[in-house]
C-alpha atoms as a PDB file:
ATOM      1  CA  MET A   1       1.027   0.445  -2.960  1.00  0.00           C
ATOM      2  CA  GLN A   2      -1.765   2.855  -2.226  1.00  0.00           C
ATOM      3  CA  VAL A   3      -0.312   6.333  -2.179  1.00  0.00           C
ATOM      4  CA  SER A   4      -2.324   9.206  -0.751  1.00  0.00           C
ATOM      5  CA  ASN A   5      -1.555  12.877  -0.243  1.00  0.00           C
ATOM      6  CA  ARG A   6       1.760  12.549  -2.050  1.00  0.00           C
ATOM      7  CA  ARG A   7       2.881  14.004  -5.358  1.00  0.00           C
ATOM      8  CA  SER A   8       2.388  11.525  -8.175  1.00  0.00           C
ATOM      9  CA  PHE A   9       5.783  10.939  -9.757  1.00  0.00           C
ATOM     10  CA  LYS A  10       6.646   9.101 -12.937  1.00  0.00           C
ATOM     11  CA  SER A  11       5.294   5.546 -13.204  1.00  0.00           C
ATOM     12  CA  PHE A  12       7.526   2.687 -12.054  1.00  0.00           C
ATOM     13  CA  SER A  13       6.618   0.915 -15.301  1.00  0.00           C
ATOM     14  CA  GLU A  14       8.548   3.556 -17.242  1.00  0.00           C
ATOM     15  CA  VAL A  15      11.793   2.858 -15.379  1.00  0.00           C
ATOM     16  CA  ALA A  16      11.464  -0.895 -14.774  1.00  0.00           C
ATOM     17  CA  GLU A  17      14.119  -1.835 -17.328  1.00  0.00           C
ATOM     18  CA  LEU A  18      16.636   0.440 -15.573  1.00  0.00           C
ATOM     19  CA  TYR A  19      16.154  -0.979 -12.090  1.00  0.00           C
ATOM     20  CA  PRO A  20      18.328  -4.120 -12.357  1.00  0.00           C
ATOM     21  CA  GLY A  21      21.427  -1.960 -12.805  1.00  0.00           C
ATOM     22  CA  ARG A  22      20.940  -0.054  -9.577  1.00  0.00           C
ATOM     23  CA  PRO A  23      23.484  -0.539  -6.741  1.00  0.00           C
ATOM     24  CA  SER A  24      22.681  -3.470  -4.473  1.00  0.00           C
ATOM     25  CA  TYR A  25      21.418  -3.286  -0.914  1.00  0.00           C
ATOM     26  CA  SER A  26      24.108  -3.961   1.700  1.00  0.00           C
ATOM     27  CA  ARG A  27      24.886  -7.677   1.982  1.00  0.00           C
ATOM     28  CA  ARG A  28      26.342  -7.026   5.439  1.00  0.00           C
ATOM     29  CA  ILE A  29      22.989  -5.815   6.735  1.00  0.00           C
ATOM     30  CA  LEU A  30      21.108  -8.637   5.017  1.00  0.00           C
ATOM     31  CA  ARG A  31      23.385 -11.199   6.688  1.00  0.00           C
ATOM     32  CA  MET A  32      22.732  -9.668  10.114  1.00  0.00           C
ATOM     33  CA  LEU A  33      18.986  -9.679   9.469  1.00  0.00           C
ATOM     34  CA  ILE A  34      19.077 -13.300   8.303  1.00  0.00           C
ATOM     35  CA  ASP A  35      20.924 -14.298  11.484  1.00  0.00           C
ATOM     36  CA  GLN A  36      18.086 -12.747  13.496  1.00  0.00           C
ATOM     37  CA  VAL A  37      15.373 -14.438  11.440  1.00  0.00           C
ATOM     38  CA  LYS A  38      17.093 -17.825  11.666  1.00  0.00           C
ATOM     39  CA  SER A  39      16.709 -17.689  15.427  1.00  0.00           C
ATOM     40  CA  LEU A  40      13.081 -18.520  14.643  1.00  0.00           C
ATOM     41  CA  THR A  41      13.659 -21.259  12.063  1.00  0.00           C
ATOM     42  CA  GLU A  42      16.594 -22.545  10.013  1.00  0.00           C
ATOM     43  CA  SER A  43      14.538 -22.385   6.794  1.00  0.00           C
ATOM     44  CA  PRO A  44      12.595 -19.113   6.957  1.00  0.00           C
ATOM     45  CA  THR A  45      10.081 -18.099   4.297  1.00  0.00           C
ATOM     46  CA  PHE A  46      10.234 -14.412   3.395  1.00  0.00           C
ATOM     47  CA  GLY A  47       7.936 -11.954   1.691  1.00  0.00           C
ATOM     48  CA  ASP A  48       9.788  -9.146  -0.103  1.00  0.00           C
ATOM     49  CA  ILE A  49       7.122  -6.437  -0.352  1.00  0.00           C
ATOM     50  CA  GLY A  50       7.440  -3.751  -2.982  1.00  0.00           C
ATOM     51  CA  ALA A  51      10.095  -5.971  -4.490  1.00  0.00           C
ATOM     52  CA  GLY A  52      10.717  -3.890  -7.591  1.00  0.00           C
ATOM     53  CA  THR A  53      12.602  -6.161  -9.959  1.00  0.00           C
ATOM     54  CA  GLY A  54      13.722  -8.464  -7.145  1.00  0.00           C
ATOM     55  CA  ALA A  55      17.022  -7.051  -5.893  1.00  0.00           C
ATOM     56  CA  ILE A  56      16.536  -8.024  -2.249  1.00  0.00           C
ATOM     57  CA  ALA A  57      14.508 -11.165  -3.004  1.00  0.00           C
ATOM     58  CA  TYR A  58      17.285 -12.559  -5.189  1.00  0.00           C
ATOM     59  CA  SER A  59      19.965 -11.531  -2.692  1.00  0.00           C
ATOM     60  CA  LEU A  60      18.088 -13.479  -0.010  1.00  0.00           C
ATOM     61  CA  ALA A  61      17.789 -16.450  -2.385  1.00  0.00           C
ATOM     62  CA  ASP A  62      21.556 -16.302  -2.955  1.00  0.00           C
ATOM     63  CA  MET A  63      21.902 -16.620   0.820  1.00  0.00           C
ATOM     64  CA  GLY A  64      19.802 -19.777   0.929  1.00  0.00           C
ATOM     65  CA  LEU A  65      16.304 -18.434   1.663  1.00  0.00           C
ATOM     66  CA  SER A  66      13.093 -18.916  -0.277  1.00  0.00           C
ATOM     67  CA  GLY A  67       9.916 -16.881  -0.419  1.00  0.00           C
ATOM     68  CA  TYR A  68       7.826 -14.410  -2.354  1.00  0.00           C
ATOM     69  CA  ALA A  69       8.479 -11.202  -4.267  1.00  0.00           C
ATOM     70  CA  VAL A  70       5.318  -9.071  -3.988  1.00  0.00           C
ATOM     71  CA  GLU A  71       5.153  -6.102  -6.365  1.00  0.00           C
ATOM     72  CA  PRO A  72       2.150  -4.023  -7.503  1.00  0.00           C
ATOM     73  CA  ASP A  73       3.618  -2.780 -10.802  1.00  0.00           C
ATOM     74  CA  SER A  74       3.119  -5.384 -13.531  1.00  0.00           C
ATOM     75  CA  GLN A  75       6.085  -4.203 -15.614  1.00  0.00           C
ATOM     76  CA  MET A  76       8.401  -4.454 -12.609  1.00  0.00           C
ATOM     77  CA  VAL A  77       7.097  -7.999 -12.075  1.00  0.00           C
ATOM     78  CA  ALA A  78       7.728  -8.879 -15.730  1.00  0.00           C
ATOM     79  CA  VAL A  79      11.335  -7.674 -15.558  1.00  0.00           C
ATOM     80  CA  GLY A  80      11.860  -9.394 -12.205  1.00  0.00           C
ATOM     81  CA  GLN A  81      10.501 -12.709 -13.485  1.00  0.00           C
ATOM     82  CA  ARG A  82      12.731 -12.503 -16.537  1.00  0.00           C
ATOM     83  CA  LEU A  83      15.775 -11.974 -14.328  1.00  0.00           C
ATOM     84  CA  GLY A  84      14.772 -14.698 -11.890  1.00  0.00           C
ATOM     85  CA  GLN A  85      14.641 -17.763 -14.091  1.00  0.00           C
ATOM     86  CA  THR A  86      17.526 -19.265 -12.119  1.00  0.00           C
ATOM     87  CA  TYR A  87      15.811 -18.594  -8.758  1.00  0.00           C
ATOM     88  CA  PRO A  88      13.095 -21.256  -8.407  1.00  0.00           C
ATOM     89  CA  GLY A  89      12.811 -20.498  -4.698  1.00  0.00           C
ATOM     90  CA  VAL A  90      11.354 -17.031  -5.386  1.00  0.00           C
ATOM     91  CA  SER A  91       7.696 -16.832  -6.430  1.00  0.00           C
ATOM     92  CA  TRP A  92       6.289 -13.596  -7.837  1.00  0.00           C
ATOM     93  CA  ILE A  93       2.940 -12.077  -6.846  1.00  0.00           C
ATOM     94  CA  ASN A  94       1.573  -9.026  -8.690  1.00  0.00           C
ATOM     95  CA  ALA A  95      -0.140  -7.396  -5.705  1.00  0.00           C
ATOM     96  CA  SER A  96       0.146  -4.542  -3.235  1.00  0.00           C
ATOM     97  CA  GLY A  97       1.549  -4.728   0.264  1.00  0.00           C
ATOM     98  CA  GLU A  98      -1.870  -3.864   1.632  1.00  0.00           C
ATOM     99  CA  CYS A  99      -3.461  -6.924  -0.007  1.00  0.00           C
ATOM    100  CA  THR A 100      -0.810  -9.529  -0.829  1.00  0.00           C
ATOM    101  CA  GLY A 101      -3.063 -12.540  -1.410  1.00  0.00           C
ATOM    102  CA  LEU A 102      -0.812 -14.648   0.822  1.00  0.00           C
ATOM    103  CA  ALA A 103      -2.329 -17.024   3.367  1.00  0.00           C
ATOM    104  CA  ASP A 104      -2.653 -16.310   7.071  1.00  0.00           C
ATOM    105  CA  ASP A 105       0.459 -17.201   9.118  1.00  0.00           C
ATOM    106  CA  SER A 106       2.423 -18.145   5.986  1.00  0.00           C
ATOM    107  CA  LEU A 107       5.661 -16.150   6.401  1.00  0.00           C
ATOM    108  CA  ASP A 108       8.497 -15.962   8.893  1.00  0.00           C
ATOM    109  CA  TRP A 109       9.698 -12.599   7.616  1.00  0.00           C
ATOM    110  CA  VAL A 110       8.075  -9.621   5.902  1.00  0.00           C
ATOM    111  CA  CYS A 111      10.579  -7.174   4.418  1.00  0.00           C
ATOM    112  CA  TYR A 112       9.630  -3.910   2.719  1.00  0.00           C
ATOM    113  CA  SER A 113      12.253  -3.088   0.049  1.00  0.00           C
ATOM    114  CA  THR A 114      12.547   0.727  -0.070  1.00  0.00           C
ATOM    115  CA  SER A 115       8.780   0.741  -0.464  1.00  0.00           C
ATOM    116  CA  PHE A 116       7.160   1.239   2.939  1.00  0.00           C
ATOM    117  CA  HIS A 117       6.956   5.009   2.399  1.00  0.00           C
ATOM    118  CA  LEU A 118       4.688   4.306  -0.600  1.00  0.00           C
ATOM    119  CA  ALA A 119       2.271   2.142   1.362  1.00  0.00           C
ATOM    120  CA  ASN A 120      -0.785   2.939   3.415  1.00  0.00           C
ATOM    121  CA  THR A 121       0.923   2.458   6.784  1.00  0.00           C
ATOM    122  CA  ARG A 122      -2.061   1.158   8.727  1.00  0.00           C
ATOM    123  CA  GLU A 123      -3.188  -1.283   6.024  1.00  0.00           C
ATOM    124  CA  ALA A 124       0.349  -2.484   5.291  1.00  0.00           C
ATOM    125  CA  LEU A 125       1.047  -3.276   8.933  1.00  0.00           C
ATOM    126  CA  ARG A 126      -2.319  -4.974   9.388  1.00  0.00           C
ATOM    127  CA  GLU A 127      -1.707  -7.175   6.334  1.00  0.00           C
ATOM    128  CA  SER A 128       1.829  -7.965   7.485  1.00  0.00           C
ATOM    129  CA  MET A 129       0.619  -9.093  10.888  1.00  0.00           C
ATOM    130  CA  ARG A 130      -1.965 -11.314   9.194  1.00  0.00           C
ATOM    131  CA  ILE A 131       0.533 -13.158   6.999  1.00  0.00           C
ATOM    132  CA  LEU A 132       3.297 -13.427   9.618  1.00  0.00           C
ATOM    133  CA  ARG A 133       3.596 -16.512  11.786  1.00  0.00           C
ATOM    134  CA  PRO A 134       3.849 -16.135  15.579  1.00  0.00           C
ATOM    135  CA  ARG A 135       7.241 -14.642  16.511  1.00  0.00           C
ATOM    136  CA  GLY A 136       7.833 -13.667  12.880  1.00  0.00           C
ATOM    137  CA  PHE A 137       9.894 -10.636  11.862  1.00  0.00           C
ATOM    138  CA  PHE A 138       8.959  -7.376  10.152  1.00  0.00           C
ATOM    139  CA  THR A 139      11.573  -5.181   8.468  1.00  0.00           C
ATOM    140  CA  ILE A 140      11.565  -1.810   6.718  1.00  0.00           C
ATOM    141  CA  THR A 141      14.568  -1.269   4.462  1.00  0.00           C
ATOM    142  CA  LEU A 142      15.811   1.774   2.604  1.00  0.00           C
ATOM    143  CA  HIS A 143      18.627   2.040   0.078  1.00  0.00           C
ATOM    144  CA  LEU A 144      19.422   5.626  -0.902  1.00  0.00           C
ATOM    145  CA  PRO A 145      22.255   7.676  -2.360  1.00  0.00           C
ATOM    146  CA  ASP A 146      24.386   9.255   0.349  1.00  0.00           C
ATOM    147  CA  TYR A 147      23.415  12.898  -0.006  1.00  0.00           C
ATOM    148  CA  GLU A 148      25.007  13.768   3.337  1.00  0.00           C
ATOM    149  CA  THR A 149      28.703  13.053   2.791  1.00  0.00           C
ATOM    150  CA  ASP A 150      29.278  12.061  -0.860  1.00  0.00           C
ATOM    151  CA  PRO A 151      30.794  15.182  -2.491  1.00  0.00           C
ATOM    152  CA  PHE A 152      30.035  14.116  -6.058  1.00  0.00           C
ATOM    153  CA  GLN A 153      26.361  13.381  -5.443  1.00  0.00           C
ATOM    154  CA  LEU A 154      26.006  16.578  -3.415  1.00  0.00           C
ATOM    155  CA  GLU A 155      27.434  18.504  -6.361  1.00  0.00           C
ATOM    156  CA  ILE A 156      24.991  16.857  -8.767  1.00  0.00           C
ATOM    157  CA  GLU A 157      22.063  17.675  -6.493  1.00  0.00           C
ATOM    158  CA  LYS A 158      23.125  21.313  -6.273  1.00  0.00           C
ATOM    159  CA  LYS A 159      23.384  21.567 -10.042  1.00  0.00           C
ATOM    160  CA  ILE A 160      19.976  19.936 -10.491  1.00  0.00           C
ATOM    161  CA  ARG A 161      18.559  22.614  -8.184  1.00  0.00           C
ATOM    162  CA  ASP A 162      20.289  25.299 -10.240  1.00  0.00           C
ATOM    163  CA  ILE A 163      18.670  23.985 -13.427  1.00  0.00           C
ATOM    164  CA  ALA A 164      15.231  23.250 -11.926  1.00  0.00           C
ATOM    165  CA  PRO A 165      14.895  25.094  -8.598  1.00  0.00           C
ATOM    166  CA  ALA A 166      11.187  24.363  -8.130  1.00  0.00           C
ATOM    167  CA  ILE A 167      11.309  20.555  -8.258  1.00  0.00           C
ATOM    168  CA  GLU A 168      10.255  18.433  -5.299  1.00  0.00           C
ATOM    169  CA  ARG A 169      12.648  15.564  -4.604  1.00  0.00           C
ATOM    170  CA  ALA A 170      11.072  12.233  -3.678  1.00  0.00           C
ATOM    171  CA  ILE A 171      13.764  11.567  -1.089  1.00  0.00           C
ATOM    172  CA  THR A 172      12.834  14.583   1.077  1.00  0.00           C
ATOM    173  CA  PRO A 173       9.649  13.186   2.676  1.00  0.00           C
ATOM    174  CA  VAL A 174      11.280   9.750   2.938  1.00  0.00           C
ATOM    175  CA  ILE A 175      14.064  11.166   5.097  1.00  0.00           C
ATOM    176  CA  GLY A 176      11.427  12.720   7.331  1.00  0.00           C
ATOM    177  CA  GLN A 177       9.575   9.422   7.677  1.00  0.00           C
ATOM    178  CA  MET A 178      12.769   7.540   8.545  1.00  0.00           C
ATOM    179  CA  ARG A 179      12.824   9.289  11.906  1.00  0.00           C
ATOM    180  CA  THR A 180       9.444   7.770  12.797  1.00  0.00           C
ATOM    181  CA  TYR A 181      10.043   4.097  11.978  1.00  0.00           C
ATOM    182  CA  GLU A 182      11.650   2.907  15.213  1.00  0.00           C
ATOM    183  CA  ALA A 183       8.870   4.362  17.357  1.00  0.00           C
ATOM    184  CA  LEU A 184       6.226   3.091  14.936  1.00  0.00           C
ATOM    185  CA  LEU A 185       7.414  -0.509  15.149  1.00  0.00           C
ATOM    186  CA  ASN A 186       7.973  -0.429  18.908  1.00  0.00           C
ATOM    187  CA  GLN A 187       4.499   0.980  19.529  1.00  0.00           C
ATOM    188  CA  TYR A 188       2.504  -1.066  17.015  1.00  0.00           C
ATOM    189  CA  PRO A 189       0.372  -3.763  18.737  1.00  0.00           C
ATOM    190  CA  GLY A 190       2.078  -7.127  18.475  1.00  0.00           C
ATOM    191  CA  LEU A 191       5.480  -5.764  17.406  1.00  0.00           C
ATOM    192  CA  GLY A 192       8.432  -4.614  19.465  1.00  0.00           C
ATOM    193  CA  ASN A 193      12.136  -4.832  20.288  1.00  0.00           C
ATOM    194  CA  CYS A 194      12.946  -2.850  17.148  1.00  0.00           C
ATOM    195  CA  ILE A 195      16.588  -2.614  16.178  1.00  0.00           C
ATOM    196  CA  SER A 196      18.043  -0.340  13.499  1.00  0.00           C
ATOM    197  CA  LEU A 197      21.005  -1.107  11.276  1.00  0.00           C
ATOM    198  CA  ASP A 198      22.868   1.269   8.989  1.00  0.00           C
ATOM    199  CA  ALA A 199      25.722   0.869   6.514  1.00  0.00           C
ATOM    200  CA  THR A 200      27.226   3.309   4.033  1.00  0.00           C
ATOM    201  CA  GLU A 201      29.166   1.585   1.264  1.00  0.00           C
ATOM    202  CA  ALA A 202      31.258   2.783  -1.659  1.00  0.00           C
ATOM    203  CA  VAL A 203      30.153   1.576  -5.090  1.00  0.00           C
ATOM    204  CA  SER A 204      32.356   1.786  -8.175  1.00  0.00           C
ATOM    205  CA  MET A 205      30.415   3.046 -11.181  1.00  0.00           C
ATOM    206  CA  THR A 206      31.276   4.003 -14.731  1.00  0.00           C
ATOM    207  CA  GLU A 207      29.822   7.109 -16.310  1.00  0.00           C
ATOM    208  CA  ALA A 208      27.347   4.970 -18.252  1.00  0.00           C
ATOM    209  CA  GLN A 209      26.263   3.138 -15.091  1.00  0.00           C
ATOM    210  CA  TYR A 210      25.766   6.383 -13.205  1.00  0.00           C
ATOM    211  CA  ILE A 211      23.706   7.955 -15.991  1.00  0.00           C
ATOM    212  CA  GLU A 212      21.588   4.806 -16.165  1.00  0.00           C
ATOM    213  CA  PHE A 213      21.074   5.014 -12.409  1.00  0.00           C
ATOM    214  CA  LEU A 214      20.085   8.688 -12.604  1.00  0.00           C
ATOM    215  CA  SER A 215      17.814   7.972 -15.577  1.00  0.00           C
ATOM    216  CA  GLY A 216      15.847   5.634 -13.322  1.00  0.00           C
ATOM    217  CA  ALA A 217      14.702   8.561 -11.171  1.00  0.00           C
ATOM    218  CA  ARG A 218      10.930   8.976 -11.160  1.00  0.00           C
ATOM    219  CA  ASP A 219      10.627  12.390  -9.582  1.00  0.00           C
ATOM    220  CA  ILE A 220      12.688  14.752 -11.737  1.00  0.00           C
ATOM    221  CA  PRO A 221      11.387  13.908 -15.246  1.00  0.00           C
ATOM    222  CA  SER A 222       7.806  14.013 -13.981  1.00  0.00           C
ATOM    223  CA  GLN A 223       8.209  17.693 -13.085  1.00  0.00           C
ATOM    224  CA  VAL A 224      10.266  19.202 -15.910  1.00  0.00           C
ATOM    225  CA  PRO A 225       9.950  19.364 -19.704  1.00  0.00           C
ATOM    226  CA  PRO A 226      11.879  16.708 -21.687  1.00  0.00           C
ATOM    227  CA  GLU A 227      14.480  19.236 -22.825  1.00  0.00           C
ATOM    228  CA  VAL A 228      15.237  20.210 -19.209  1.00  0.00           C
ATOM    229  CA  TRP A 229      15.528  16.546 -18.196  1.00  0.00           C
ATOM    230  CA  HIS A 230      17.916  16.020 -21.111  1.00  0.00           C
ATOM    231  CA  SER A 231      20.033  18.981 -19.962  1.00  0.00           C
ATOM    232  CA  ILE A 232      20.175  17.532 -16.430  1.00  0.00           C
ATOM    233  CA  LEU A 233      21.426  14.184 -17.739  1.00  0.00           C
ATOM    234  CA  GLN A 234      23.949  15.965 -19.950  1.00  0.00           C
ATOM    235  CA  MET A 235      25.163  18.023 -16.992  1.00  0.00           C
ATOM    236  CA  ALA A 236      25.540  14.859 -14.899  1.00  0.00           C
ATOM    237  CA  ALA A 237      27.574  13.125 -17.619  1.00  0.00           C
ATOM    238  CA  GLU A 238      29.872  16.131 -18.044  1.00  0.00           C
ATOM    239  CA  THR A 239      30.333  16.461 -14.275  1.00  0.00           C
ATOM    240  CA  PHE A 240      31.166  12.757 -14.006  1.00  0.00           C
ATOM    241  CA  ARG A 241      33.795  13.011 -16.754  1.00  0.00           C
ATOM    242  CA  ARG A 242      35.360  16.048 -15.119  1.00  0.00           C
ATOM    243  CA  SER A 243      35.320  14.704 -11.561  1.00  0.00           C
ATOM    244  CA  GLU A 244      36.062  11.022 -12.319  1.00  0.00           C
ATOM    245  CA  PRO A 245      34.810   9.871  -8.881  1.00  0.00           C
ATOM    246  CA  ALA A 246      36.557   6.710  -7.709  1.00  0.00           C
ATOM    247  CA  SER A 247      33.275   5.553  -6.176  1.00  0.00           C
ATOM    248  CA  LEU A 248      29.867   6.757  -5.067  1.00  0.00           C
ATOM    249  CA  ARG A 249      28.406   6.146  -1.634  1.00  0.00           C
ATOM    250  CA  PHE A 250      25.027   4.556  -0.962  1.00  0.00           C
ATOM    251  CA  ARG A 251      23.346   4.113   2.396  1.00  0.00           C
ATOM    252  CA  SER A 252      21.429   0.994   3.417  1.00  0.00           C
ATOM    253  CA  THR A 253      19.226   1.198   6.511  1.00  0.00           C
ATOM    254  CA  ALA A 254      16.903  -1.306   8.182  1.00  0.00           C
ATOM    255  CA  TRP A 255      14.382  -1.201  11.031  1.00  0.00           C
ATOM    256  CA  HIS A 256      13.747  -4.733  12.253  1.00  0.00           C
ATOM    257  CA  ALA A 257      11.123  -5.848  14.791  1.00  0.00           C
ATOM    258  CA  GLN A 258       9.654  -9.139  15.989  1.00  0.00           C
ATOM    259  CA  CYS A 259       6.070 -10.151  16.634  1.00  0.00           C
ATOM    260  CA  GLY A 260       5.354 -10.565  20.321  1.00  0.00           C
END
């Protein structure tokens, strides 16, 4: 994606190997979205834009759909292709959402996988409208830790701030942008009837799984010295052992609109 006027965080290539272990996007929301898309055709073709290592693309394939995983980071693509050898219905494209290389009117559904905030909004929407068929669907998804009600993750965030009070968290501007998506899709020429879906789900994680998840953060290690990042990970591991959380909560959200 083409990022402008945003802090440059750690490269996705550096955390690509950690991405497959991240908690999955809500299957409940994906099923509801698929039901909407299948009102257009029983065999929809999707484009998962900013696909990462293919979490949503492979979930959609598990649910009987086929399509494309479009990802600009070549290391993410390499990991995703390695994981997807049993998913022949998913084709990988190493490209940005602003210039996918897909043909005009080739998709029934464009879905941005926790990646729209990284795109050039105007170019991404223009490209999406080009590759979507008439009456096709456009979706923005986000999958984030629940920093509003999960006491364990709130505690970790507070302690991170205590250790590194000057850091900028990547999630902060994303939360601000979330408030604009419904109006954006309802007002964009050719799109409308936007619906929003939201689900908060509990995910069981071991200490090792949680530390791997936290290690996949791009923003914190890009702003602190290695020894400070190591102390943050050590703090998180010690807090996990002391608290022994039964589960952690993650929030999946979608904004879903149809071409007019």
